[in-house]
Amino acid sequence: VLGCMMLEKQGNSLYLGMLTVSPDLQG
């Protein structure tokens, strides 16, 4: 596992959080 992202349905929108990429692979 080298990256992740949380998506939460909140009514009419989608909350995007915890977008993560391993520090060695960023960019």
PDB file of all heavy atoms in Angstrom:
ATOM      1  N   VAL A   1       0.853  -1.179   0.000  1.00  0.00           N
ATOM      2  CA  VAL A   1       0.000   0.000   0.000  1.00  0.00           C
ATOM      3  C   VAL A   1       0.894   1.235   0.000  1.00  0.00           C
ATOM      4  O   VAL A   1       1.653   1.466   0.933  1.00  0.00           O
ATOM      5  CB  VAL A   1      -0.946   0.007   1.225  1.00  0.00           C
ATOM      6  CG1 VAL A   1      -1.792   1.276   1.228  1.00  0.00           C
ATOM      7  CG2 VAL A   1      -1.844  -1.224   1.228  1.00  0.00           C
ATOM      8  N   LEU A   2       0.792   2.022  -1.070  1.00  0.00           N
ATOM      9  CA  LEU A   2       1.667   3.181  -1.253  1.00  0.00           C
ATOM     10  C   LEU A   2       0.908   4.506  -1.288  1.00  0.00           C
ATOM     11  O   LEU A   2       1.511   5.568  -1.370  1.00  0.00           O
ATOM     12  CB  LEU A   2       2.480   3.019  -2.537  1.00  0.00           C
ATOM     13  CG  LEU A   2       3.375   1.773  -2.585  1.00  0.00           C
ATOM     14  CD1 LEU A   2       3.955   1.584  -3.970  1.00  0.00           C
ATOM     15  CD2 LEU A   2       4.457   1.850  -1.531  1.00  0.00           C
ATOM     16  N   GLY A   3      -0.413   4.423  -1.225  1.00  0.00           N
ATOM     17  CA  GLY A   3      -1.224   5.629  -1.220  1.00  0.00           C
ATOM     18  C   GLY A   3      -2.635   5.314  -0.784  1.00  0.00           C
ATOM     19  O   GLY A   3      -3.062   4.152  -0.831  1.00  0.00           O
ATOM     20  N   CYS A   4      -3.364   6.349  -0.338  1.00  0.00           N
ATOM     21  CA  CYS A   4      -4.763   6.160   0.033  1.00  0.00           C
ATOM     22  C   CYS A   4      -5.503   7.497  -0.011  1.00  0.00           C
ATOM     23  O   CYS A   4      -4.889   8.559  -0.088  1.00  0.00           O
ATOM     24  CB  CYS A   4      -4.895   5.518   1.408  1.00  0.00           C
ATOM     25  SG  CYS A   4      -4.374   6.554   2.793  1.00  0.00           S
ATOM     26  N   MET A   5      -6.822   7.383   0.030  1.00  0.00           N
ATOM     27  CA  MET A   5      -7.694   8.557   0.030  1.00  0.00           C
ATOM     28  C   MET A   5      -9.036   8.147   0.611  1.00  0.00           C
ATOM     29  O   MET A   5      -9.534   7.068   0.319  1.00  0.00           O
ATOM     30  CB  MET A   5      -7.874   9.044  -1.407  1.00  0.00           C
ATOM     31  CG  MET A   5      -8.942  10.075  -1.632  1.00  0.00           C
ATOM     32  SD  MET A   5      -9.093  10.570  -3.367  1.00  0.00           S
ATOM     33  CE  MET A   5      -9.616   9.057  -4.154  1.00  0.00           C
ATOM     34  N   MET A   6      -9.613   9.015   1.428  1.00  0.00           N
ATOM     35  CA  MET A   6     -10.931   8.777   1.989  1.00  0.00           C
ATOM     36  C   MET A   6     -11.959   9.609   1.237  1.00  0.00           C
ATOM     37  O   MET A   6     -11.726  10.791   0.959  1.00  0.00           O
ATOM     38  CB  MET A   6     -10.955   9.167   3.468  1.00  0.00           C
ATOM     39  CG  MET A   6     -12.305   8.888   4.120  1.00  0.00           C
ATOM     40  SD  MET A   6     -12.650   9.911   5.559  1.00  0.00           S
ATOM     41  CE  MET A   6     -12.785  11.539   4.863  1.00  0.00           C
ATOM     42  N   LEU A   7     -13.085   8.989   0.918  1.00  0.00           N
ATOM     43  CA  LEU A   7     -14.193   9.671   0.275  1.00  0.00           C
ATOM     44  C   LEU A   7     -15.435   9.437   1.117  1.00  0.00           C
ATOM     45  O   LEU A   7     -15.759   8.298   1.456  1.00  0.00           O
ATOM     46  CB  LEU A   7     -14.418   9.123  -1.139  1.00  0.00           C
ATOM     47  CG  LEU A   7     -13.245   9.253  -2.099  1.00  0.00           C
ATOM     48  CD1 LEU A   7     -13.522   8.498  -3.384  1.00  0.00           C
ATOM     49  CD2 LEU A   7     -12.929  10.710  -2.376  1.00  0.00           C
ATOM     50  N   GLU A   8     -16.126  10.524   1.474  1.00  0.00           N
ATOM     51  CA  GLU A   8     -17.333  10.398   2.287  1.00  0.00           C
ATOM     52  C   GLU A   8     -18.475  11.160   1.635  1.00  0.00           C
ATOM     53  O   GLU A   8     -18.367  12.371   1.384  1.00  0.00           O
ATOM     54  CB  GLU A   8     -17.085  10.952   3.693  1.00  0.00           C
ATOM     55  CG  GLU A   8     -18.281  10.825   4.598  1.00  0.00           C
ATOM     56  CD  GLU A   8     -18.030  11.355   5.996  1.00  0.00           C
ATOM     57  OE1 GLU A   8     -16.938  11.888   6.275  1.00  0.00           O
ATOM     58  OE2 GLU A   8     -18.955  11.232   6.821  1.00  0.00           O
ATOM     59  N   LYS A   9     -19.555  10.452   1.357  1.00  0.00           N
ATOM     60  CA  LYS A   9     -20.746  11.100   0.818  1.00  0.00           C
ATOM     61  C   LYS A   9     -21.362  11.946   1.917  1.00  0.00           C
ATOM     62  O   LYS A   9     -21.614  11.456   3.015  1.00  0.00           O
ATOM     63  CB  LYS A   9     -21.744  10.050   0.339  1.00  0.00           C
ATOM     64  CG  LYS A   9     -21.259   9.209  -0.810  1.00  0.00           C
ATOM     65  CD  LYS A   9     -22.289   8.145  -1.154  1.00  0.00           C
ATOM     66  CE  LYS A   9     -21.685   7.063  -2.011  1.00  0.00           C
ATOM     67  NZ  LYS A   9     -22.620   5.935  -2.210  1.00  0.00           N
ATOM     68  N   GLN A  10     -21.568  13.220   1.599  1.00  0.00           N
ATOM     69  CA  GLN A  10     -22.184  14.154   2.548  1.00  0.00           C
ATOM     70  C   GLN A  10     -23.273  14.916   1.807  1.00  0.00           C
ATOM     71  O   GLN A  10     -23.016  15.973   1.228  1.00  0.00           O
ATOM     72  CB  GLN A  10     -21.146  15.119   3.126  1.00  0.00           C
ATOM     73  CG  GLN A  10     -20.067  14.456   3.948  1.00  0.00           C
ATOM     74  CD  GLN A  10     -19.042  15.442   4.499  1.00  0.00           C
ATOM     75  OE1 GLN A  10     -18.881  16.546   4.001  1.00  0.00           O
ATOM     76  NE2 GLN A  10     -18.327  15.015   5.522  1.00  0.00           N
ATOM     77  N   GLY A  11     -24.454  14.353   1.795  1.00  0.00           N
ATOM     78  CA  GLY A  11     -25.554  14.978   1.064  1.00  0.00           C
ATOM     79  C   GLY A  11     -25.269  14.997  -0.421  1.00  0.00           C
ATOM     80  O   GLY A  11     -25.026  13.965  -1.033  1.00  0.00           O
ATOM     81  N   ASN A  12     -25.262  16.219  -1.006  1.00  0.00           N
ATOM     82  CA  ASN A  12     -25.032  16.371  -2.445  1.00  0.00           C
ATOM     83  C   ASN A  12     -23.564  16.497  -2.806  1.00  0.00           C
ATOM     84  O   ASN A  12     -23.242  16.785  -3.957  1.00  0.00           O
ATOM     85  CB  ASN A  12     -25.767  17.621  -2.956  1.00  0.00           C
ATOM     86  CG  ASN A  12     -27.253  17.513  -2.786  1.00  0.00           C
ATOM     87  OD1 ASN A  12     -27.787  16.435  -2.540  1.00  0.00           O
ATOM     88  ND2 ASN A  12     -27.946  18.632  -2.915  1.00  0.00           N
ATOM     89  N   SER A  13     -22.670  16.341  -1.827  1.00  0.00           N
ATOM     90  CA  SER A  13     -21.245  16.491  -2.121  1.00  0.00           C
ATOM     91  C   SER A  13     -20.467  15.278  -1.620  1.00  0.00           C
ATOM     92  O   SER A  13     -20.971  14.461  -0.862  1.00  0.00           O
ATOM     93  CB  SER A  13     -20.701  17.787  -1.527  1.00  0.00           C
ATOM     94  OG  SER A  13     -20.838  17.792  -0.132  1.00  0.00           O
ATOM     95  N   LEU A  14     -19.241  15.206  -2.076  1.00  0.00           N
ATOM     96  CA  LEU A  14     -18.320  14.140  -1.697  1.00  0.00           C
ATOM     97  C   LEU A  14     -17.138  14.796  -1.000  1.00  0.00           C
ATOM     98  O   LEU A  14     -16.460  15.643  -1.587  1.00  0.00           O
ATOM     99  CB  LEU A  14     -17.842  13.397  -2.952  1.00  0.00           C
ATOM    100  CG  LEU A  14     -16.915  12.206  -2.733  1.00  0.00           C
ATOM    101  CD1 LEU A  14     -17.649  11.066  -2.020  1.00  0.00           C
ATOM    102  CD2 LEU A  14     -16.375  11.708  -4.072  1.00  0.00           C
ATOM    103  N   TYR A  15     -16.919  14.436   0.270  1.00  0.00           N
ATOM    104  CA  TYR A  15     -15.782  14.978   1.004  1.00  0.00           C
ATOM    105  C   TYR A  15     -14.560  14.114   0.718  1.00  0.00           C
ATOM    106  O   TYR A  15     -14.593  12.893   0.880  1.00  0.00           O
ATOM    107  CB  TYR A  15     -16.062  15.020   2.511  1.00  0.00           C
ATOM    108  CG  TYR A  15     -14.892  15.585   3.276  1.00  0.00           C
ATOM    109  CD1 TYR A  15     -14.681  16.956   3.317  1.00  0.00           C
ATOM    110  CD2 TYR A  15     -13.977  14.752   3.899  1.00  0.00           C
ATOM    111  CE1 TYR A  15     -13.588  17.488   3.986  1.00  0.00           C
ATOM    112  CE2 TYR A  15     -12.879  15.274   4.571  1.00  0.00           C
ATOM    113  CZ  TYR A  15     -12.690  16.643   4.615  1.00  0.00           C
ATOM    114  OH  TYR A  15     -11.602  17.165   5.266  1.00  0.00           O
ATOM    115  N   LEU A  16     -13.481  14.750   0.275  1.00  0.00           N
ATOM    116  CA  LEU A  16     -12.218  14.068  -0.010  1.00  0.00           C
ATOM    117  C   LEU A  16     -11.251  14.405   1.117  1.00  0.00           C
ATOM    118  O   LEU A  16     -11.002  15.570   1.392  1.00  0.00           O
ATOM    119  CB  LEU A  16     -11.671  14.549  -1.359  1.00  0.00           C
ATOM    120  CG  LEU A  16     -10.437  13.861  -1.927  1.00  0.00           C
ATOM    121  CD1 LEU A  16     -10.367  14.091  -3.424  1.00  0.00           C
ATOM    122  CD2 LEU A  16      -9.152  14.294  -1.271  1.00  0.00           C
ATOM    123  N   GLY A  17     -10.716  13.392   1.771  1.00  0.00           N
ATOM    124  CA  GLY A  17      -9.775  13.606   2.849  1.00  0.00           C
ATOM    125  C   GLY A  17      -8.692  12.551   2.873  1.00  0.00           C
ATOM    126  O   GLY A  17      -8.754  11.548   2.158  1.00  0.00           O
ATOM    127  N   MET A  18      -7.696  12.785   3.681  1.00  0.00           N
ATOM    128  CA  MET A  18      -6.621  11.827   3.939  1.00  0.00           C
ATOM    129  C   MET A  18      -5.927  11.362   2.648  1.00  0.00           C
ATOM    130  O   MET A  18      -5.475  10.224   2.545  1.00  0.00           O
ATOM    131  CB  MET A  18      -7.160  10.629   4.729  1.00  0.00           C
ATOM    132  CG  MET A  18      -6.121   9.917   5.546  1.00  0.00           C
ATOM    133  SD  MET A  18      -6.834   8.737   6.738  1.00  0.00           S
ATOM    134  CE  MET A  18      -7.519   7.479   5.672  1.00  0.00           C
ATOM    135  N   LEU A  19      -5.834  12.256   1.669  1.00  0.00           N
ATOM    136  CA  LEU A  19      -5.105  11.908   0.447  1.00  0.00           C
ATOM    137  C   LEU A  19      -3.632  11.771   0.814  1.00  0.00           C
ATOM    138  O   LEU A  19      -3.008  12.718   1.287  1.00  0.00           O
ATOM    139  CB  LEU A  19      -5.297  12.979  -0.629  1.00  0.00           C
ATOM    140  CG  LEU A  19      -4.547  12.785  -1.937  1.00  0.00           C
ATOM    141  CD1 LEU A  19      -4.845  11.447  -2.578  1.00  0.00           C
ATOM    142  CD2 LEU A  19      -4.887  13.896  -2.905  1.00  0.00           C
ATOM    143  N   THR A  20      -3.111  10.577   0.630  1.00  0.00           N
ATOM    144  CA  THR A  20      -1.766  10.249   1.101  1.00  0.00           C
ATOM    145  C   THR A  20      -1.005   9.491   0.031  1.00  0.00           C
ATOM    146  O   THR A  20      -1.536   8.560  -0.565  1.00  0.00           O
ATOM    147  CB  THR A  20      -1.852   9.336   2.347  1.00  0.00           C
ATOM    148  OG1 THR A  20      -2.695   9.941   3.322  1.00  0.00           O
ATOM    149  CG2 THR A  20      -0.485   9.064   2.934  1.00  0.00           C
ATOM    150  N   VAL A  21       0.246   9.884  -0.171  1.00  0.00           N
ATOM    151  CA  VAL A  21       1.164   9.146  -1.041  1.00  0.00           C
ATOM    152  C   VAL A  21       2.457   8.964  -0.270  1.00  0.00           C
ATOM    153  O   VAL A  21       2.927   9.893   0.393  1.00  0.00           O
ATOM    154  CB  VAL A  21       1.418   9.893  -2.377  1.00  0.00           C
ATOM    155  CG1 VAL A  21       2.448   9.168  -3.224  1.00  0.00           C
ATOM    156  CG2 VAL A  21       0.111  10.069  -3.149  1.00  0.00           C
ATOM    157  N   SER A  22       3.026   7.780  -0.348  1.00  0.00           N
ATOM    158  CA  SER A  22       4.294   7.509   0.324  1.00  0.00           C
ATOM    159  C   SER A  22       5.292   8.622   0.010  1.00  0.00           C
ATOM    160  O   SER A  22       5.425   9.026  -1.151  1.00  0.00           O
ATOM    161  CB  SER A  22       4.848   6.163  -0.154  1.00  0.00           C
ATOM    162  OG  SER A  22       6.172   5.992   0.289  1.00  0.00           O
ATOM    163  N   PRO A  23       5.999   9.146   1.021  1.00  0.00           N
ATOM    164  CA  PRO A  23       6.950  10.231   0.780  1.00  0.00           C
ATOM    165  C   PRO A  23       7.975   9.917  -0.317  1.00  0.00           C
ATOM    166  O   PRO A  23       8.377  10.811  -1.053  1.00  0.00           O
ATOM    167  CB  PRO A  23       7.641  10.420   2.135  1.00  0.00           C
ATOM    168  CG  PRO A  23       6.639   9.955   3.126  1.00  0.00           C
ATOM    169  CD  PRO A  23       5.914   8.813   2.459  1.00  0.00           C
ATOM    170  N   ASP A  24       8.357   8.668  -0.461  1.00  0.00           N
ATOM    171  CA  ASP A  24       9.333   8.287  -1.484  1.00  0.00           C
ATOM    172  C   ASP A  24       8.769   8.334  -2.894  1.00  0.00           C
ATOM    173  O   ASP A  24       9.531   8.312  -3.862  1.00  0.00           O
ATOM    174  CB  ASP A  24       9.868   6.876  -1.203  1.00  0.00           C
ATOM    175  CG  ASP A  24      10.672   6.813   0.087  1.00  0.00           C
ATOM    176  OD1 ASP A  24      11.339   7.814   0.434  1.00  0.00           O
ATOM    177  OD2 ASP A  24      10.622   5.761   0.760  1.00  0.00           O
ATOM    178  N   LEU A  25       7.439   8.377  -3.030  1.00  0.00           N
ATOM    179  CA  LEU A  25       6.811   8.347  -4.358  1.00  0.00           C
ATOM    180  C   LEU A  25       6.078   9.630  -4.720  1.00  0.00           C
ATOM    181  O   LEU A  25       5.469   9.711  -5.779  1.00  0.00           O
ATOM    182  CB  LEU A  25       5.840   7.165  -4.441  1.00  0.00           C
ATOM    183  CG  LEU A  25       6.481   5.785  -4.333  1.00  0.00           C
ATOM    184  CD1 LEU A  25       5.418   4.702  -4.302  1.00  0.00           C
ATOM    185  CD2 LEU A  25       7.435   5.547  -5.490  1.00  0.00           C
ATOM    186  N   GLN A  26       6.129  10.633  -3.845  1.00  0.00           N
ATOM    187  CA  GLN A  26       5.431  11.879  -4.145  1.00  0.00           C
ATOM    188  C   GLN A  26       6.061  12.549  -5.371  1.00  0.00           C
ATOM    189  O   GLN A  26       7.255  12.463  -5.587  1.00  0.00           O
ATOM    190  CB  GLN A  26       5.467  12.802  -2.922  1.00  0.00           C
ATOM    191  CG  GLN A  26       4.607  12.253  -1.803  1.00  0.00           C
ATOM    192  CD  GLN A  26       4.647  13.092  -0.554  1.00  0.00           C
ATOM    193  OE1 GLN A  26       5.113  14.221  -0.546  1.00  0.00           O
ATOM    194  NE2 GLN A  26       4.127  12.533   0.533  1.00  0.00           N
ATOM    195  N   GLY A  27       5.202  13.159  -6.169  1.00  0.00           N
ATOM    196  CA  GLY A  27       5.669  13.820  -7.386  1.00  0.00           C
ATOM    197  C   GLY A  27       5.682  12.905  -8.598  1.00  0.00           C
ATOM    198  O   GLY A  27       6.131  13.296  -9.668  1.00  0.00           O
TER     199      GLY A  27
END
